PDB file of N, CA and C in Angstrom:
ATOM      1  N   MET A   1     -16.173   1.564  -1.057  1.00  0.00           N
ATOM      2  CA  MET A   1     -15.876   0.295  -0.408  1.00  0.00           C
ATOM      3  C   MET A   1     -14.875  -0.477  -1.272  1.00  0.00           C
ATOM      4  N   PRO A   2     -13.785  -0.981  -0.685  1.00  0.00           N
ATOM      5  CA  PRO A   2     -12.831  -1.764  -1.482  1.00  0.00           C
ATOM      6  C   PRO A   2     -13.487  -3.042  -1.996  1.00  0.00           C
ATOM      7  N   LEU A   3     -13.283  -3.316  -3.261  1.00  0.00           N
ATOM      8  CA  LEU A   3     -13.848  -4.511  -3.887  1.00  0.00           C
ATOM      9  C   LEU A   3     -12.749  -5.308  -4.564  1.00  0.00           C
ATOM     10  N   LYS A   4     -12.953  -6.616  -4.659  1.00  0.00           N
ATOM     11  CA  LYS A   4     -12.039  -7.456  -5.431  1.00  0.00           C
ATOM     12  C   LYS A   4     -12.516  -7.487  -6.876  1.00  0.00           C
ATOM     13  N   GLY A   5     -11.560  -7.427  -7.795  1.00  0.00           N
ATOM     14  CA  GLY A   5     -11.905  -7.449  -9.217  1.00  0.00           C
ATOM     15  C   GLY A   5     -12.475  -8.786  -9.655  1.00  0.00           C
ATOM     16  N   THR A   6     -12.000  -9.872  -9.032  1.00  0.00           N
ATOM     17  CA  THR A   6     -12.503 -11.217  -9.319  1.00  0.00           C
ATOM     18  C   THR A   6     -12.570 -11.985  -8.005  1.00  0.00           C
ATOM     19  N   ALA A   7     -13.235 -13.104  -8.021  1.00  0.00           N
ATOM     20  CA  ALA A   7     -13.386 -13.922  -6.809  1.00  0.00           C
ATOM     21  C   ALA A   7     -12.036 -14.428  -6.292  1.00  0.00           C
ATOM     22  N   ARG A   8     -11.071 -14.627  -7.164  1.00  0.00           N
ATOM     23  CA  ARG A   8      -9.774 -15.175  -6.751  1.00  0.00           C
ATOM     24  C   ARG A   8      -8.680 -14.118  -6.646  1.00  0.00           C
ATOM     25  N   ALA A   9      -9.041 -12.848  -6.732  1.00  0.00           N
ATOM     26  CA  ALA A   9      -8.056 -11.773  -6.621  1.00  0.00           C
ATOM     27  C   ALA A   9      -7.478 -11.729  -5.216  1.00  0.00           C
ATOM     28  N   ALA A  10      -6.200 -11.425  -5.105  1.00  0.00           N
ATOM     29  CA  ALA A  10      -5.544 -11.330  -3.801  1.00  0.00           C
ATOM     30  C   ALA A  10      -5.874 -10.022  -3.102  1.00  0.00           C
ATOM     31  N   GLY A  11      -6.061  -8.956  -3.857  1.00  0.00           N
ATOM     32  CA  GLY A  11      -6.245  -7.640  -3.260  1.00  0.00           C
ATOM     33  C   GLY A  11      -7.597  -7.031  -3.534  1.00  0.00           C
ATOM     34  N   HIS A  12      -7.964  -6.103  -2.652  1.00  0.00           N
ATOM     35  CA  HIS A  12      -9.170  -5.287  -2.807  1.00  0.00           C
ATOM     36  C   HIS A  12      -8.758  -3.976  -3.480  1.00  0.00           C
ATOM     37  N   ASP A  13      -9.477  -3.564  -4.505  1.00  0.00           N
ATOM     38  CA  ASP A  13      -9.163  -2.316  -5.191  1.00  0.00           C
ATOM     39  C   ASP A  13      -9.503  -1.121  -4.304  1.00  0.00           C
ATOM     40  N   LEU A  14      -8.601  -0.153  -4.265  1.00  0.00           N
ATOM     41  CA  LEU A  14      -8.824   1.105  -3.559  1.00  0.00           C
ATOM     42  C   LEU A  14      -9.051   2.199  -4.594  1.00  0.00           C
ATOM     43  N   TYR A  15      -9.990   3.095  -4.300  1.00  0.00           N
ATOM     44  CA  TYR A  15     -10.410   4.125  -5.239  1.00  0.00           C
ATOM     45  C   TYR A  15     -10.098   5.515  -4.690  1.00  0.00           C
ATOM     46  N   ALA A  16      -9.758   6.443  -5.584  1.00  0.00           N
ATOM     47  CA  ALA A  16      -9.507   7.830  -5.186  1.00  0.00           C
ATOM     48  C   ALA A  16     -10.812   8.485  -4.755  1.00  0.00           C
ATOM     49  N   ASN A  17     -10.770   9.202  -3.645  1.00  0.00           N
ATOM     50  CA  ASN A  17     -11.925   9.925  -3.141  1.00  0.00           C
ATOM     51  C   ASN A  17     -11.979  11.342  -3.707  1.00  0.00           C
ATOM     52  N   GLU A  18     -10.907  11.726  -4.422  1.00  0.00           N
ATOM     53  CA  GLU A  18     -10.800  13.068  -4.979  1.00  0.00           C
ATOM     54  C   GLU A  18      -9.845  13.026  -6.159  1.00  0.00           C
ATOM     55  N   GLY A  19      -9.964  13.989  -7.047  1.00  0.00           N
ATOM     56  CA  GLY A  19      -9.005  14.111  -8.133  1.00  0.00           C
ATOM     57  C   GLY A  19      -7.679  14.620  -7.576  1.00  0.00           C
ATOM     58  N   THR A  20      -6.578  14.074  -8.056  1.00  0.00           N
ATOM     59  CA  THR A  20      -5.262  14.423  -7.525  1.00  0.00           C
ATOM     60  C   THR A  20      -4.238  14.464  -8.647  1.00  0.00           C
ATOM     61  N   ASP A  21      -3.372  15.477  -8.613  1.00  0.00           N
ATOM     62  CA  ASP A  21      -2.247  15.549  -9.536  1.00  0.00           C
ATOM     63  C   ASP A  21      -1.023  14.952  -8.860  1.00  0.00           C
ATOM     64  N   VAL A  22      -0.344  14.047  -9.570  1.00  0.00           N
ATOM     65  CA  VAL A  22       0.898  13.459  -9.076  1.00  0.00           C
ATOM     66  C   VAL A  22       2.014  14.043  -9.941  1.00  0.00           C
ATOM     67  N   PRO A  23       2.852  14.917  -9.351  1.00  0.00           N
ATOM     68  CA  PRO A  23       3.867  15.594 -10.173  1.00  0.00           C
ATOM     69  C   PRO A  23       4.934  14.627 -10.686  1.00  0.00           C
ATOM     70  N   ALA A  24       5.538  14.991 -11.802  1.00  0.00           N
ATOM     71  CA  ALA A  24       6.669  14.223 -12.328  1.00  0.00           C
ATOM     72  C   ALA A  24       7.765  14.186 -11.276  1.00  0.00           C
ATOM     73  N   ARG A  25       8.371  12.997 -11.089  1.00  0.00           N
ATOM     74  CA  ARG A  25       9.427  12.789 -10.101  1.00  0.00           C
ATOM     75  C   ARG A  25       9.007  13.237  -8.696  1.00  0.00           C
ATOM     76  N   GLY A  26       7.723  13.051  -8.392  1.00  0.00           N
ATOM     77  CA  GLY A  26       7.192  13.441  -7.085  1.00  0.00           C
ATOM     78  C   GLY A  26       6.167  12.440  -6.597  1.00  0.00           C
ATOM     79  N   GLN A  27       5.436  12.837  -5.585  1.00  0.00           N
ATOM     80  CA  GLN A  27       4.405  11.961  -5.045  1.00  0.00           C
ATOM     81  C   GLN A  27       3.249  12.789  -4.521  1.00  0.00           C
ATOM     82  N   ALA A  28       2.116  12.130  -4.296  1.00  0.00           N
ATOM     83  CA  ALA A  28       0.926  12.779  -3.750  1.00  0.00           C
ATOM     84  C   ALA A  28       0.200  11.794  -2.849  1.00  0.00           C
ATOM     85  N   ILE A  29      -0.411  12.329  -1.805  1.00  0.00           N
ATOM     86  CA  ILE A  29      -1.233  11.512  -0.915  1.00  0.00           C
ATOM     87  C   ILE A  29      -2.663  11.591  -1.414  1.00  0.00           C
ATOM     88  N   VAL A  30      -3.256  10.418  -1.674  1.00  0.00           N
ATOM     89  CA  VAL A  30      -4.599  10.360  -2.229  1.00  0.00           C
ATOM     90  C   VAL A  30      -5.520   9.687  -1.216  1.00  0.00           C
ATOM     91  N   GLY A  31      -6.549  10.395  -0.798  1.00  0.00           N
ATOM     92  CA  GLY A  31      -7.518   9.832   0.127  1.00  0.00           C
ATOM     93  C   GLY A  31      -8.444   8.841  -0.565  1.00  0.00           C
ATOM     94  N   THR A  32      -8.914   7.859   0.210  1.00  0.00           N
ATOM     95  CA  THR A  32      -9.864   6.882  -0.329  1.00  0.00           C
ATOM     96  C   THR A  32     -11.269   7.092   0.232  1.00  0.00           C
ATOM     97  N   GLY A  33     -11.379   7.876   1.305  1.00  0.00           N
ATOM     98  CA  GLY A  33     -12.682   8.116   1.916  1.00  0.00           C
ATOM     99  C   GLY A  33     -13.207   6.959   2.744  1.00  0.00           C
ATOM    100  N   ILE A  34     -12.338   5.969   3.025  1.00  0.00           N
ATOM    101  CA  ILE A  34     -12.785   4.813   3.813  1.00  0.00           C
ATOM    102  C   ILE A  34     -11.895   4.620   5.040  1.00  0.00           C
ATOM    103  N   ALA A  35     -12.460   4.009   6.052  1.00  0.00           N
ATOM    104  CA  ALA A  35     -11.720   3.531   7.215  1.00  0.00           C
ATOM    105  C   ALA A  35     -12.092   2.059   7.364  1.00  0.00           C
ATOM    106  N   ILE A  36     -11.149   1.245   7.827  1.00  0.00           N
ATOM    107  CA  ILE A  36     -11.395  -0.193   7.931  1.00  0.00           C
ATOM    108  C   ILE A  36     -10.974  -0.697   9.301  1.00  0.00           C
ATOM    109  N   GLY A  37     -11.495  -1.828   9.678  1.00  0.00           N
ATOM    110  CA  GLY A  37     -11.056  -2.539  10.873  1.00  0.00           C
ATOM    111  C   GLY A  37     -10.573  -3.909  10.439  1.00  0.00           C
ATOM    112  N   LEU A  38      -9.323  -4.197  10.676  1.00  0.00           N
ATOM    113  CA  LEU A  38      -8.742  -5.464  10.243  1.00  0.00           C
ATOM    114  C   LEU A  38      -8.754  -6.474  11.390  1.00  0.00           C
ATOM    115  N   PRO A  39      -8.843  -7.760  11.088  1.00  0.00           N
ATOM    116  CA  PRO A  39      -8.818  -8.790  12.132  1.00  0.00           C
ATOM    117  C   PRO A  39      -7.484  -8.801  12.888  1.00  0.00           C
ATOM    118  N   HIS A  40      -7.512  -9.263  14.133  1.00  0.00           N
ATOM    119  CA  HIS A  40      -6.313  -9.428  14.953  1.00  0.00           C
ATOM    120  C   HIS A  40      -5.316 -10.317  14.214  1.00  0.00           C
ATOM    121  N   ASN A  41      -4.035 -10.055  14.380  1.00  0.00           N
ATOM    122  CA  ASN A  41      -2.939 -10.798  13.734  1.00  0.00           C
ATOM    123  C   ASN A  41      -2.924 -10.641  12.220  1.00  0.00           C
ATOM    124  N   THR A  42      -3.484  -9.538  11.730  1.00  0.00           N
ATOM    125  CA  THR A  42      -3.374  -9.209  10.308  1.00  0.00           C
ATOM    126  C   THR A  42      -2.936  -7.757  10.183  1.00  0.00           C
ATOM    127  N   TYR A  43      -2.503  -7.413   8.992  1.00  0.00           N
ATOM    128  CA  TYR A  43      -2.265  -6.009   8.655  1.00  0.00           C
ATOM    129  C   TYR A  43      -2.639  -5.848   7.189  1.00  0.00           C
ATOM    130  N   GLY A  44      -2.848  -4.625   6.780  1.00  0.00           N
ATOM    131  CA  GLY A  44      -3.150  -4.347   5.380  1.00  0.00           C
ATOM    132  C   GLY A  44      -1.918  -3.822   4.686  1.00  0.00           C
ATOM    133  N   ARG A  45      -1.617  -4.385   3.548  1.00  0.00           N
ATOM    134  CA  ARG A  45      -0.467  -3.932   2.753  1.00  0.00           C
ATOM    135  C   ARG A  45      -0.997  -3.280   1.486  1.00  0.00           C
ATOM    136  N   ILE A  46      -0.639  -2.030   1.272  1.00  0.00           N
ATOM    137  CA  ILE A  46      -1.060  -1.315   0.063  1.00  0.00           C
ATOM    138  C   ILE A  46      -0.012  -1.546  -1.010  1.00  0.00           C
ATOM    139  N   VAL A  47      -0.459  -2.066  -2.139  1.00  0.00           N
ATOM    140  CA  VAL A  47       0.458  -2.391  -3.239  1.00  0.00           C
ATOM    141  C   VAL A  47       0.019  -1.667  -4.509  1.00  0.00           C
ATOM    142  N   PRO A  48       0.958  -1.443  -5.427  1.00  0.00           N
ATOM    143  CA  PRO A  48       0.617  -0.760  -6.675  1.00  0.00           C
ATOM    144  C   PRO A  48      -0.314  -1.599  -7.545  1.00  0.00           C
ATOM    145  N   ARG A  49      -1.064  -0.917  -8.357  1.00  0.00           N
ATOM    146  CA  ARG A  49      -1.831  -1.591  -9.411  1.00  0.00           C
ATOM    147  C   ARG A  49      -0.885  -1.773 -10.590  1.00  0.00           C
ATOM    148  N   SER A  50      -0.791  -2.982 -11.090  1.00  0.00           N
ATOM    149  CA  SER A  50       0.169  -3.243 -12.167  1.00  0.00           C
ATOM    150  C   SER A  50      -0.141  -2.410 -13.410  1.00  0.00           C
ATOM    151  N   SER A  51      -1.408  -2.161 -13.699  1.00  0.00           N
ATOM    152  CA  SER A  51      -1.746  -1.380 -14.891  1.00  0.00           C
ATOM    153  C   SER A  51      -1.246   0.060 -14.783  1.00  0.00           C
ATOM    154  N   LEU A  52      -1.274   0.650 -13.582  1.00  0.00           N
ATOM    155  CA  LEU A  52      -0.744   2.008 -13.425  1.00  0.00           C
ATOM    156  C   LEU A  52       0.771   2.027 -13.567  1.00  0.00           C
ATOM    157  N   GLY A  53       1.423   0.972 -13.097  1.00  0.00           N
ATOM    158  CA  GLY A  53       2.870   0.889 -13.243  1.00  0.00           C
ATOM    159  C   GLY A  53       3.294   0.742 -14.690  1.00  0.00           C
ATOM    160  N   VAL A  54       2.616  -0.124 -15.412  1.00  0.00           N
ATOM    161  CA  VAL A  54       2.974  -0.382 -16.807  1.00  0.00           C
ATOM    162  C   VAL A  54       2.646   0.816 -17.700  1.00  0.00           C
ATOM    163  N   LYS A  55       1.457   1.372 -17.547  1.00  0.00           N
ATOM    164  CA  LYS A  55       1.007   2.451 -18.432  1.00  0.00           C
ATOM    165  C   LYS A  55       1.545   3.822 -18.051  1.00  0.00           C
ATOM    166  N   HIS A  56       1.715   4.079 -16.739  1.00  0.00           N
ATOM    167  CA  HIS A  56       2.024   5.444 -16.310  1.00  0.00           C
ATOM    168  C   HIS A  56       3.217   5.554 -15.362  1.00  0.00           C
ATOM    169  N   ARG A  57       3.883   4.432 -15.070  1.00  0.00           N
ATOM    170  CA  ARG A  57       5.051   4.375 -14.185  1.00  0.00           C
ATOM    171  C   ARG A  57       4.727   4.748 -12.747  1.00  0.00           C
ATOM    172  N   LEU A  58       3.455   4.696 -12.337  1.00  0.00           N
ATOM    173  CA  LEU A  58       3.080   5.021 -10.963  1.00  0.00           C
ATOM    174  C   LEU A  58       3.275   3.819 -10.052  1.00  0.00           C
ATOM    175  N   THR A  59       3.685   4.085  -8.825  1.00  0.00           N
ATOM    176  CA  THR A  59       3.835   3.049  -7.816  1.00  0.00           C
ATOM    177  C   THR A  59       3.320   3.602  -6.494  1.00  0.00           C
ATOM    178  N   THR A  60       3.423   2.814  -5.432  1.00  0.00           N
ATOM    179  CA  THR A  60       2.975   3.277  -4.122  1.00  0.00           C
ATOM    180  C   THR A  60       4.151   3.288  -3.152  1.00  0.00           C
ATOM    181  N   ASN A  61       4.072   4.151  -2.150  1.00  0.00           N
ATOM    182  CA  ASN A  61       5.042   4.210  -1.063  1.00  0.00           C
ATOM    183  C   ASN A  61       4.290   4.084   0.258  1.00  0.00           C
ATOM    184  N   ALA A  62       5.014   3.732   1.321  1.00  0.00           N
ATOM    185  CA  ALA A  62       4.469   3.730   2.692  1.00  0.00           C
ATOM    186  C   ALA A  62       3.160   2.955   2.784  1.00  0.00           C
ATOM    187  N   GLY A  63       3.223   1.645   2.617  1.00  0.00           N
ATOM    188  CA  GLY A  63       1.995   0.891   2.459  1.00  0.00           C
ATOM    189  C   GLY A  63       1.566  -0.069   3.530  1.00  0.00           C
ATOM    190  N   GLY A  64       1.769   0.202   4.816  1.00  0.00           N
ATOM    191  CA  GLY A  64       1.321  -0.729   5.848  1.00  0.00           C
ATOM    192  C   GLY A  64       0.230  -0.131   6.713  1.00  0.00           C
ATOM    193  N   ILE A  65      -0.828  -0.912   6.996  1.00  0.00           N
ATOM    194  CA  ILE A  65      -1.926  -0.474   7.857  1.00  0.00           C
ATOM    195  C   ILE A  65      -2.048  -1.462   9.012  1.00  0.00           C
ATOM    196  N   ASP A  66      -1.825  -0.992  10.235  1.00  0.00           N
ATOM    197  CA  ASP A  66      -1.957  -1.848  11.413  1.00  0.00           C
ATOM    198  C   ASP A  66      -3.421  -2.177  11.680  1.00  0.00           C
ATOM    199  N   SER A  67      -3.656  -3.316  12.333  1.00  0.00           N
ATOM    200  CA  SER A  67      -5.031  -3.760  12.582  1.00  0.00           C
ATOM    201  C   SER A  67      -5.787  -2.844  13.537  1.00  0.00           C
ATOM    202  N   ASP A  68      -5.085  -2.043  14.332  1.00  0.00           N
ATOM    203  CA  ASP A  68      -5.780  -1.138  15.255  1.00  0.00           C
ATOM    204  C   ASP A  68      -5.939   0.278  14.701  1.00  0.00           C
ATOM    205  N   TYR A  69      -5.514   0.527  13.473  1.00  0.00           N
ATOM    206  CA  TYR A  69      -5.670   1.847  12.859  1.00  0.00           C
ATOM    207  C   TYR A  69      -7.116   2.044  12.430  1.00  0.00           C
ATOM    208  N   ARG A  70      -7.694   3.195  12.757  1.00  0.00           N
ATOM    209  CA  ARG A  70      -9.099   3.448  12.432  1.00  0.00           C
ATOM    210  C   ARG A  70      -9.317   4.723  11.627  1.00  0.00           C
ATOM    211  N   GLY A  71      -8.242   5.384  11.205  1.00  0.00           N
ATOM    212  CA  GLY A  71      -8.383   6.598  10.408  1.00  0.00           C
ATOM    213  C   GLY A  71      -8.626   6.285   8.942  1.00  0.00           C
ATOM    214  N   GLU A  72      -8.707   7.338   8.143  1.00  0.00           N
ATOM    215  CA  GLU A  72      -8.917   7.166   6.702  1.00  0.00           C
ATOM    216  C   GLU A  72      -7.708   6.475   6.073  1.00  0.00           C
ATOM    217  N   VAL A  73      -7.968   5.533   5.196  1.00  0.00           N
ATOM    218  CA  VAL A  73      -6.915   4.883   4.423  1.00  0.00           C
ATOM    219  C   VAL A  73      -6.513   5.837   3.301  1.00  0.00           C
ATOM    220  N   LYS A  74      -5.230   6.175   3.279  1.00  0.00           N
ATOM    221  CA  LYS A  74      -4.701   7.041   2.229  1.00  0.00           C
ATOM    222  C   LYS A  74      -3.575   6.315   1.520  1.00  0.00           C
ATOM    223  N   VAL A  75      -3.388   6.657   0.273  1.00  0.00           N
ATOM    224  CA  VAL A  75      -2.369   6.009  -0.558  1.00  0.00           C
ATOM    225  C   VAL A  75      -1.356   7.062  -0.994  1.00  0.00           C
ATOM    226  N   VAL A  76      -0.075   6.733  -0.854  1.00  0.00           N
ATOM    227  CA  VAL A  76       0.980   7.604  -1.359  1.00  0.00           C
ATOM    228  C   VAL A  76       1.317   7.113  -2.764  1.00  0.00           C
ATOM    229  N   LEU A  77       0.895   7.878  -3.769  1.00  0.00           N
ATOM    230  CA  LEU A  77       1.215   7.544  -5.155  1.00  0.00           C
ATOM    231  C   LEU A  77       2.513   8.242  -5.536  1.00  0.00           C
ATOM    232  N   ALA A  78       3.460   7.497  -6.051  1.00  0.00           N
ATOM    233  CA  ALA A  78       4.754   8.036  -6.464  1.00  0.00           C
ATOM    234  C   ALA A  78       4.877   7.958  -7.979  1.00  0.00           C
ATOM    235  N   ASN A  79       5.413   9.013  -8.547  1.00  0.00           N
ATOM    236  CA  ASN A  79       5.561   9.114  -9.991  1.00  0.00           C
ATOM    237  C   ASN A  79       7.033   9.364 -10.329  1.00  0.00           C
ATOM    238  N   PRO A  80       7.799   8.305 -10.640  1.00  0.00           N
ATOM    239  CA  PRO A  80       9.208   8.502 -10.994  1.00  0.00           C
ATOM    240  C   PRO A  80       9.397   8.963 -12.441  1.00  0.00           C
ATOM    241  N   GLY A  81       8.306   9.088 -13.175  1.00  0.00           N
ATOM    242  CA  GLY A  81       8.387   9.449 -14.589  1.00  0.00           C
ATOM    243  C   GLY A  81       8.631  10.925 -14.830  1.00  0.00           C
ATOM    244  N   ASP A  82       8.734  11.295 -16.109  1.00  0.00           N
ATOM    245  CA  ASP A  82       9.023  12.660 -16.530  1.00  0.00           C
ATOM    246  C   ASP A  82       7.769  13.497 -16.751  1.00  0.00           C
ATOM    247  N   GLN A  83       6.586  12.874 -16.724  1.00  0.00           N
ATOM    248  CA  GLN A  83       5.344  13.584 -16.988  1.00  0.00           C
ATOM    249  C   GLN A  83       4.446  13.557 -15.754  1.00  0.00           C
ATOM    250  N   PRO A  84       3.784  14.687 -15.441  1.00  0.00           N
ATOM    251  CA  PRO A  84       2.819  14.657 -14.337  1.00  0.00           C
ATOM    252  C   PRO A  84       1.650  13.748 -14.705  1.00  0.00           C
ATOM    253  N   TYR A  85       0.944  13.290 -13.693  1.00  0.00           N
ATOM    254  CA  TYR A  85      -0.189  12.395 -13.939  1.00  0.00           C
ATOM    255  C   TYR A  85      -1.382  12.857 -13.119  1.00  0.00           C
ATOM    256  N   ARG A  86      -2.548  12.878 -13.720  1.00  0.00           N
ATOM    257  CA  ARG A  86      -3.788  13.260 -13.047  1.00  0.00           C
ATOM    258  C   ARG A  86      -4.620  12.024 -12.786  1.00  0.00           C
ATOM    259  N   ARG A  87      -4.972  11.813 -11.518  1.00  0.00           N
ATOM    260  CA  ARG A  87      -5.838  10.698 -11.120  1.00  0.00           C
ATOM    261  C   ARG A  87      -7.181  11.302 -10.755  1.00  0.00           C
ATOM    262  N   GLU A  88      -8.247  10.856 -11.391  1.00  0.00           N
ATOM    263  CA  GLU A  88      -9.582  11.412 -11.167  1.00  0.00           C
ATOM    264  C   GLU A  88     -10.291  10.708 -10.017  1.00  0.00           C
ATOM    265  N   LYS A  89     -11.256  11.386  -9.451  1.00  0.00           N
ATOM    266  CA  LYS A  89     -12.092  10.814  -8.395  1.00  0.00           C
ATOM    267  C   LYS A  89     -12.701   9.507  -8.893  1.00  0.00           C
ATOM    268  N   GLU A  90     -12.729   8.521  -8.023  1.00  0.00           N
ATOM    269  CA  GLU A  90     -13.299   7.185  -8.260  1.00  0.00           C
ATOM    270  C   GLU A  90     -12.451   6.303  -9.171  1.00  0.00           C
ATOM    271  N   ASN A  91     -11.255   6.756  -9.578  1.00  0.00           N
ATOM    272  CA  ASN A  91     -10.330   5.880 -10.301  1.00  0.00           C
ATOM    273  C   ASN A  91      -9.667   4.934  -9.309  1.00  0.00           C
ATOM    274  N   ARG A  92      -9.360   3.724  -9.755  1.00  0.00           N
ATOM    275  CA  ARG A  92      -8.609   2.787  -8.911  1.00  0.00           C
ATOM    276  C   ARG A  92      -7.171   3.292  -8.794  1.00  0.00           C
ATOM    277  N   ILE A  93      -6.644   3.272  -7.558  1.00  0.00           N
ATOM    278  CA  ILE A  93      -5.307   3.824  -7.339  1.00  0.00           C
ATOM    279  C   ILE A  93      -4.315   2.819  -6.770  1.00  0.00           C
ATOM    280  N   ALA A  94      -4.805   1.765  -6.123  1.00  0.00           N
ATOM    281  CA  ALA A  94      -3.915   0.780  -5.496  1.00  0.00           C
ATOM    282  C   ALA A  94      -4.754  -0.429  -5.104  1.00  0.00           C
ATOM    283  N   GLN A  95      -4.090  -1.415  -4.516  1.00  0.00           N
ATOM    284  CA  GLN A  95      -4.794  -2.577  -3.972  1.00  0.00           C
ATOM    285  C   GLN A  95      -4.415  -2.755  -2.516  1.00  0.00           C
ATOM    286  N   LEU A  96      -5.362  -3.255  -1.738  1.00  0.00           N
ATOM    287  CA  LEU A  96      -5.150  -3.561  -0.337  1.00  0.00           C
ATOM    288  C   LEU A  96      -5.144  -5.079  -0.184  1.00  0.00           C
ATOM    289  N   ILE A  97      -4.030  -5.612   0.298  1.00  0.00           N
ATOM    290  CA  ILE A  97      -3.917  -7.049   0.543  1.00  0.00           C
ATOM    291  C   ILE A  97      -3.855  -7.248   2.048  1.00  0.00           C
ATOM    292  N   ILE A  98      -4.710  -8.095   2.570  1.00  0.00           N
ATOM    293  CA  ILE A  98      -4.750  -8.372   4.004  1.00  0.00           C
ATOM    294  C   ILE A  98      -3.914  -9.617   4.257  1.00  0.00           C
ATOM    295  N   GLU A  99      -2.907  -9.473   5.130  1.00  0.00           N
ATOM    296  CA  GLU A  99      -1.975 -10.565   5.398  1.00  0.00           C
ATOM    297  C   GLU A  99      -1.924 -10.881   6.880  1.00  0.00           C
ATOM    298  N   LYS A 100      -1.748 -12.169   7.192  1.00  0.00           N
ATOM    299  CA  LYS A 100      -1.525 -12.593   8.574  1.00  0.00           C
ATOM    300  C   LYS A 100      -0.052 -12.391   8.908  1.00  0.00           C
ATOM    301  N   PHE A 101       0.223 -12.211  10.203  1.00  0.00           N
ATOM    302  CA  PHE A 101       1.620 -12.106  10.617  1.00  0.00           C
ATOM    303  C   PHE A 101       1.809 -12.776  11.960  1.00  0.00           C
ATOM    304  N   ASP A 102       3.053 -13.097  12.247  1.00  0.00           N
ATOM    305  CA  ASP A 102       3.438 -13.724  13.512  1.00  0.00           C
ATOM    306  C   ASP A 102       3.544 -12.623  14.557  1.00  0.00           C
ATOM    307  N   HIS A 103       2.767 -12.706  15.604  1.00  0.00           N
ATOM    308  CA  HIS A 103       2.638 -11.645  16.589  1.00  0.00           C
ATOM    309  C   HIS A 103       3.623 -11.781  17.758  1.00  0.00           C
ATOM    310  N   ARG A 104       4.504 -12.777  17.709  1.00  0.00           N
ATOM    311  CA  ARG A 104       5.450 -12.964  18.809  1.00  0.00           C
ATOM    312  C   ARG A 104       6.405 -11.790  18.935  1.00  0.00           C
ATOM    313  N   GLU A 105       6.849 -11.544  20.172  1.00  0.00           N
ATOM    314  CA  GLU A 105       7.803 -10.473  20.440  1.00  0.00           C
ATOM    315  C   GLU A 105       9.201 -10.874  19.967  1.00  0.00           C
ATOM    316  N   LEU A 106      10.020  -9.881  19.638  1.00  0.00           N
ATOM    317  CA  LEU A 106      11.409 -10.133  19.284  1.00  0.00           C
ATOM    318  C   LEU A 106      12.185 -10.529  20.534  1.00  0.00           C
ATOM    319  N   GLN A 107      13.226 -11.308  20.327  1.00  0.00           N
ATOM    320  CA  GLN A 107      14.081 -11.697  21.443  1.00  0.00           C
ATOM    321  C   GLN A 107      15.481 -11.142  21.221  1.00  0.00           C
ATOM    322  N   GLU A 108      16.044 -10.597  22.294  1.00  0.00           N
ATOM    323  CA  GLU A 108      17.402 -10.071  22.223  1.00  0.00           C
ATOM    324  C   GLU A 108      18.393 -11.234  22.209  1.00  0.00           C
ATOM    325  N   VAL A 109      19.420 -11.105  21.386  1.00  0.00           N
ATOM    326  CA  VAL A 109      20.475 -12.118  21.334  1.00  0.00           C
ATOM    327  C   VAL A 109      21.796 -11.476  21.736  1.00  0.00           C
ATOM    328  N   THR A 110      22.732 -12.288  22.163  1.00  0.00           N
ATOM    329  CA  THR A 110      24.017 -11.751  22.606  1.00  0.00           C
ATOM    330  C   THR A 110      25.076 -11.793  21.521  1.00  0.00           C
ATOM    331  N   GLN A 111      24.791 -12.475  20.425  1.00  0.00           N
ATOM    332  CA  GLN A 111      25.775 -12.600  19.366  1.00  0.00           C
ATOM    333  C   GLN A 111      25.098 -12.328  18.029  1.00  0.00           C
ATOM    334  N   CYS A 112      25.776 -11.607  17.178  1.00  0.00           N
ATOM    335  CA  CYS A 112      25.268 -11.295  15.851  1.00  0.00           C
ATOM    336  C   CYS A 112      25.442 -12.516  14.948  1.00  0.00           C
ATOM    337  N   TYR A 113      24.468 -12.766  14.078  1.00  0.00           N
ATOM    338  CA  TYR A 113      24.541 -13.898  13.148  1.00  0.00           C
ATOM    339  C   TYR A 113      25.809 -13.827  12.302  1.00  0.00           C
ATOM    340  N   ASN A 114      26.164 -12.641  11.814  1.00  0.00           N
ATOM    341  CA  ASN A 114      27.350 -12.506  10.953  1.00  0.00           C
ATOM    342  C   ASN A 114      28.615 -12.924  11.667  1.00  0.00           C
ATOM    343  N   SER A 115      28.674 -12.767  12.990  1.00  0.00           N
ATOM    344  CA  SER A 115      29.889 -13.148  13.719  1.00  0.00           C
ATOM    345  C   SER A 115      30.035 -14.668  13.816  1.00  0.00           C
ATOM    346  N   LEU A 116      28.991 -15.410  13.474  1.00  0.00           N
ATOM    347  CA  LEU A 116      29.049 -16.867  13.515  1.00  0.00           C
ATOM    348  C   LEU A 116      29.553 -17.454  12.195  1.00  0.00           C
ATOM    349  N   LEU A 117      29.631 -16.632  11.162  1.00  0.00           N
ATOM    350  CA  LEU A 117      30.065 -17.120   9.850  1.00  0.00           C
ATOM    351  C   LEU A 117      31.589 -17.148   9.769  1.00  0.00           C
ATOM    352  N   PRO A 118      32.129 -18.143   9.062  1.00  0.00           N
ATOM    353  CA  PRO A 118      33.591 -18.183   8.903  1.00  0.00           C
ATOM    354  C   PRO A 118      34.065 -17.076   7.973  1.00  0.00           C
ATOM    355  N   GLY A 119      35.287 -16.588   8.237  1.00  0.00           N
ATOM    356  CA  GLY A 119      36.005 -15.670   7.378  1.00  0.00           C
ATOM    357  C   GLY A 119      35.453 -14.341   7.217  1.00  0.00           C
TER     358      GLY A 119
END
């Protein structure tokens, strides 16, 4: 279950459901073993853990979860470094931040904004 590290933390910690090797200059998909239901007009944004970035150069890719998604939450861990990295089962791998968004539809315009600028 995703937990917040402190009462005022912005994100819920996500944990690896399995041990995973993240190759140097590569990436790996790491399962969390959880599925979530998010409130209407929200989405989940998966963000890197700062400690993994600082200590091991790991970051996350592809981090949006729609409110109607019901499958397993998985994290794409990316390793731009020169050394492979092993993430063990139950290690924290990322954070999930739940954000509100404006649900209005896009509107088509007849003129591009750039064409309104001088020069």
